[in-house]
Amino acid sequence: MTVEVFDSLASSQGLQKSGWFAKIVKDKFNIKLNIIAPNVSGGDTVFDTRSASGNLGDLVIVGTGNGRLNKLVKAKLIEDMTPYYSSMKNVKKYDSAVKSIAKQAGKDGVWGVPQGVSSQSPTDPSEGNESAAAPYIRWDIYKEIGYPQIKDLDGLLNVLKQMQDRARQDTGKDDIYAMSLFKDRDGDVMQNAASICSWFGYTN
């Protein structure tokens, strides 16, 4: 079965054929994900066009700001998840956050699940327990070299070198580099550089 996912945060689109998440979803649920990503092409026009047609997708990942959630509910473009909520054990841990989404929707029901939730005290920094940042690497090549464990930054450099060597070998090209510090779509930071700095307590 193929599930269409409208994802306003995604940076790639189309049928997900490779990568660890695509593999887990296929192996566990026999589902393929087809990502619709306005970031890649079309921007808000994609949202407007699909909304007008009455079909955003099977799963919808969007921000709730500027009354967008209220509009989605009024237009019946998303489903009330109340009938399923009693069995959503992991989501129910964050019931107050789910209820705050209902307020934004302007209608009773379970209209969404927030992405940034925590069961910890608001004064405890989450990054102190589990890092929220990691460098982006080519998962397909990481798999090719056998998923070596990375214990520290020296280990990361060693793995990146192995991946670079493998990619150059596979393609026959020498202009393949282990890490990019590109600025495209990174906003106000170079993502890979900023991620590594955050491990040491520095942020933009």
Protein backbone atom coordinates (compact mmCIF):
# COMPACT_ATOMS: atom_id res chain seq x y z
CA MET A 1 0.00 0.00 0.00
CA THR A 2 1.22 3.52 -0.79
CA VAL A 3 0.43 6.33 1.66
CA GLU A 4 0.58 9.94 0.49
CA VAL A 5 2.20 12.26 3.04
CA PHE A 6 1.81 16.03 2.63
CA ASP A 7 4.83 17.31 4.56
CA SER A 8 5.48 21.04 4.71
CA LEU A 9 8.82 20.33 6.43
CA ALA A 10 10.24 17.80 3.95
CA SER A 11 13.26 18.56 1.79
CA SER A 12 12.75 15.74 -0.72
CA GLN A 13 9.68 14.37 -2.40
CA GLY A 14 8.36 11.37 -4.27
CA LEU A 15 8.20 7.69 -3.43
CA GLN A 16 10.65 6.86 -0.65
CA LYS A 17 12.62 3.86 -1.91
CA SER A 18 15.76 3.91 0.22
CA GLY A 19 16.93 4.95 3.66
CA TRP A 20 16.45 3.43 7.08
CA PHE A 21 12.98 4.89 7.72
CA ALA A 22 11.58 3.75 4.37
CA LYS A 23 12.92 0.26 5.13
CA ILE A 24 11.34 0.10 8.60
CA VAL A 25 7.93 1.26 7.32
CA LYS A 26 8.04 -1.26 4.45
CA ASP A 27 9.25 -4.18 6.59
CA LYS A 28 6.94 -3.55 9.56
CA PHE A 29 3.76 -2.32 7.86
CA ASN A 30 4.21 -3.15 4.14
CA ILE A 31 3.67 0.54 3.37
CA LYS A 32 5.46 2.82 0.93
CA LEU A 33 5.46 6.57 1.58
CA ASN A 34 4.94 9.05 -1.24
CA ILE A 35 6.06 12.45 0.07
CA ILE A 36 4.46 15.65 -1.25
CA ALA A 37 6.88 18.45 -0.33
CA PRO A 38 5.94 22.08 -1.03
CA ASN A 39 9.50 23.06 0.01
CA VAL A 40 10.84 21.24 -3.04
CA SER A 41 8.51 22.73 -5.64
CA GLY A 42 5.42 24.89 -5.68
CA GLY A 43 5.47 26.30 -2.14
CA ASP A 44 2.09 27.45 -0.83
CA THR A 45 0.60 26.93 -4.28
CA VAL A 46 0.79 23.16 -3.72
CA PHE A 47 -1.08 23.52 -0.43
CA ASP A 48 -3.72 25.78 -1.99
CA THR A 49 -4.23 23.60 -5.05
CA ARG A 50 -4.52 20.35 -3.12
CA SER A 51 -6.79 22.00 -0.55
CA ALA A 52 -9.09 23.25 -3.32
CA SER A 53 -9.25 19.73 -4.76
CA GLY A 54 -10.23 18.39 -1.33
CA ASN A 55 -7.23 16.08 -0.95
CA LEU A 56 -4.06 17.12 0.88
CA GLY A 57 -2.97 13.53 1.41
CA ASP A 58 -3.46 10.56 3.75
CA LEU A 59 -1.14 12.02 6.39
CA VAL A 60 -0.76 15.78 6.77
CA ILE A 61 2.23 17.49 8.41
CA VAL A 62 1.73 21.25 8.59
CA GLY A 63 2.16 24.15 10.97
CA THR A 64 -0.90 25.35 12.84
CA GLY A 65 -0.09 29.08 12.74
CA ASN A 66 -2.09 31.87 11.10
CA GLY A 67 -5.36 29.96 11.49
CA ARG A 68 -4.27 27.18 9.13
CA LEU A 69 -5.46 24.36 11.40
CA ASN A 70 -8.85 26.02 11.85
CA LYS A 71 -9.19 26.28 8.05
CA LEU A 72 -8.24 22.61 7.59
CA VAL A 73 -10.90 21.53 10.10
CA LYS A 74 -13.61 23.75 8.57
CA ALA A 75 -12.82 22.48 5.08
CA LYS A 76 -12.89 18.85 6.36
CA LEU A 77 -9.39 18.23 4.99
CA ILE A 78 -8.28 16.44 8.15
CA GLU A 79 -10.00 13.78 10.22
CA ASP A 80 -10.93 13.88 13.90
CA MET A 81 -8.80 11.17 15.56
CA THR A 82 -11.02 10.91 18.67
CA PRO A 83 -12.18 7.33 17.86
CA TYR A 84 -8.55 6.18 17.88
CA TYR A 85 -7.26 8.31 20.74
CA SER A 86 -7.94 5.81 23.55
CA SER A 87 -5.52 3.33 21.94
CA MET A 88 -2.81 5.93 21.18
CA LYS A 89 -0.80 5.17 24.32
CA ASN A 90 2.33 7.13 23.40
CA VAL A 91 0.42 10.21 22.23
CA LYS A 92 -1.82 10.24 25.33
CA LYS A 93 1.24 10.91 27.48
CA TYR A 94 1.11 14.44 26.06
CA ASP A 95 -2.64 14.99 26.48
CA SER A 96 -2.32 18.67 27.44
CA ALA A 97 -0.40 19.37 24.21
CA VAL A 98 -3.04 17.53 22.15
CA LYS A 99 -5.77 19.57 23.86
CA SER A 100 -3.94 22.80 22.99
CA ILE A 101 -4.13 21.78 19.33
CA ALA A 102 -7.90 21.37 19.68
CA LYS A 103 -8.11 24.97 20.92
CA GLN A 104 -6.29 26.15 17.80
CA ALA A 105 -8.66 24.07 15.68
CA GLY A 106 -11.63 25.86 17.22
CA LYS A 107 -13.57 22.62 17.54
CA ASP A 108 -13.64 19.75 20.05
CA GLY A 109 -11.75 16.69 18.92
CA VAL A 110 -8.27 15.31 18.36
CA TRP A 111 -7.11 17.25 15.31
CA GLY A 112 -3.38 16.84 15.51
CA VAL A 113 -0.29 15.80 17.41
CA PRO A 114 2.33 18.47 18.16
CA GLN A 115 5.87 17.66 17.09
CA GLY A 116 7.71 19.42 19.93
CA VAL A 117 6.48 17.84 23.17
CA SER A 118 8.15 16.65 26.36
CA SER A 119 7.20 14.98 29.61
CA GLN A 120 10.11 16.70 31.37
CA SER A 121 10.13 19.91 33.38
CA PRO A 122 10.18 23.02 31.15
CA THR A 123 13.29 24.18 33.03
CA ASP A 124 15.34 21.05 32.18
CA PRO A 125 17.23 21.34 28.87
CA SER A 126 16.34 18.34 26.70
CA GLU A 127 19.68 18.45 24.85
CA GLY A 128 21.35 17.58 28.15
CA ASN A 129 19.70 14.14 28.03
CA GLU A 130 19.64 13.35 24.33
CA SER A 131 21.13 15.33 21.48
CA ALA A 132 18.62 16.83 19.08
CA ALA A 133 21.26 17.42 16.41
CA ALA A 134 23.33 15.13 14.24
CA PRO A 135 25.28 15.47 11.00
CA TYR A 136 23.55 14.40 7.80
CA ILE A 137 25.21 11.46 6.05
CA ARG A 138 24.40 9.34 3.02
CA TRP A 139 22.55 6.38 4.54
CA ASP A 140 22.96 4.21 1.44
CA ILE A 141 26.76 4.50 1.55
CA TYR A 142 26.82 4.12 5.35
CA LYS A 143 25.00 0.83 4.77
CA GLU A 144 27.51 -0.20 2.08
CA ILE A 145 30.42 0.13 4.53
CA GLY A 146 28.59 -1.99 7.12
CA TYR A 147 27.05 0.60 9.51
CA PRO A 148 30.21 1.03 11.64
CA GLN A 149 29.56 2.36 15.14
CA ILE A 150 30.52 6.00 15.70
CA LYS A 151 31.59 6.64 19.31
CA ASP A 152 33.15 10.10 19.04
CA LEU A 153 34.21 12.81 16.57
CA ASP A 154 37.37 10.92 15.64
CA GLY A 155 35.16 7.94 14.84
CA LEU A 156 32.91 10.20 12.75
CA LEU A 157 35.91 11.37 10.71
CA ASN A 158 37.02 7.78 10.14
CA VAL A 159 33.54 6.77 8.96
CA LEU A 160 33.25 9.82 6.69
CA LYS A 161 36.60 8.91 5.11
CA GLN A 162 35.44 5.33 4.50
CA MET A 163 32.21 6.65 2.97
CA GLN A 164 34.09 9.10 0.76
CA ASP A 165 36.42 6.35 -0.48
CA ARG A 166 33.46 4.05 -1.19
CA ALA A 167 31.50 6.75 -3.04
CA ARG A 168 34.53 7.62 -5.18
CA GLN A 169 35.05 3.93 -5.91
CA ASP A 170 31.39 3.43 -6.85
CA THR A 171 31.25 6.45 -9.17
CA GLY A 172 34.82 6.74 -10.41
CA LYS A 173 34.77 10.45 -9.52
CA ASP A 174 37.30 12.23 -7.31
CA ASP A 175 35.20 15.34 -6.63
CA ILE A 176 33.11 13.65 -3.92
CA TYR A 177 33.59 15.05 -0.43
CA ALA A 178 32.79 13.55 2.96
CA MET A 179 30.92 16.53 4.36
CA SER A 180 29.19 19.58 2.95
CA LEU A 181 28.81 22.89 4.76
CA PHE A 182 26.32 24.14 2.18
CA LYS A 183 24.04 27.07 2.98
CA ASP A 184 21.04 26.07 0.85
CA ARG A 185 17.87 25.66 2.94
CA ASP A 186 19.89 25.91 6.15
CA GLY A 187 18.46 29.33 7.00
CA ASP A 188 20.75 31.17 9.39
CA VAL A 189 23.32 28.40 9.97
CA MET A 190 25.41 25.86 8.10
CA GLN A 191 23.56 22.78 9.34
CA ASN A 192 26.44 20.30 9.65
CA ALA A 193 28.74 22.82 11.33
CA ALA A 194 26.00 24.00 13.70
CA SER A 195 25.03 20.43 14.65
CA ILE A 196 28.56 19.56 15.71
CA CYS A 197 28.95 22.83 17.66
CA SER A 198 25.71 22.08 19.54
CA TRP A 199 27.26 18.92 20.99
CA PHE A 200 29.63 21.20 22.89
CA GLY A 201 26.90 23.53 24.14
CA TYR A 202 27.17 26.22 21.47
CA THR A 203 24.21 27.33 19.40
CA ASN A 204 23.38 30.09 16.96
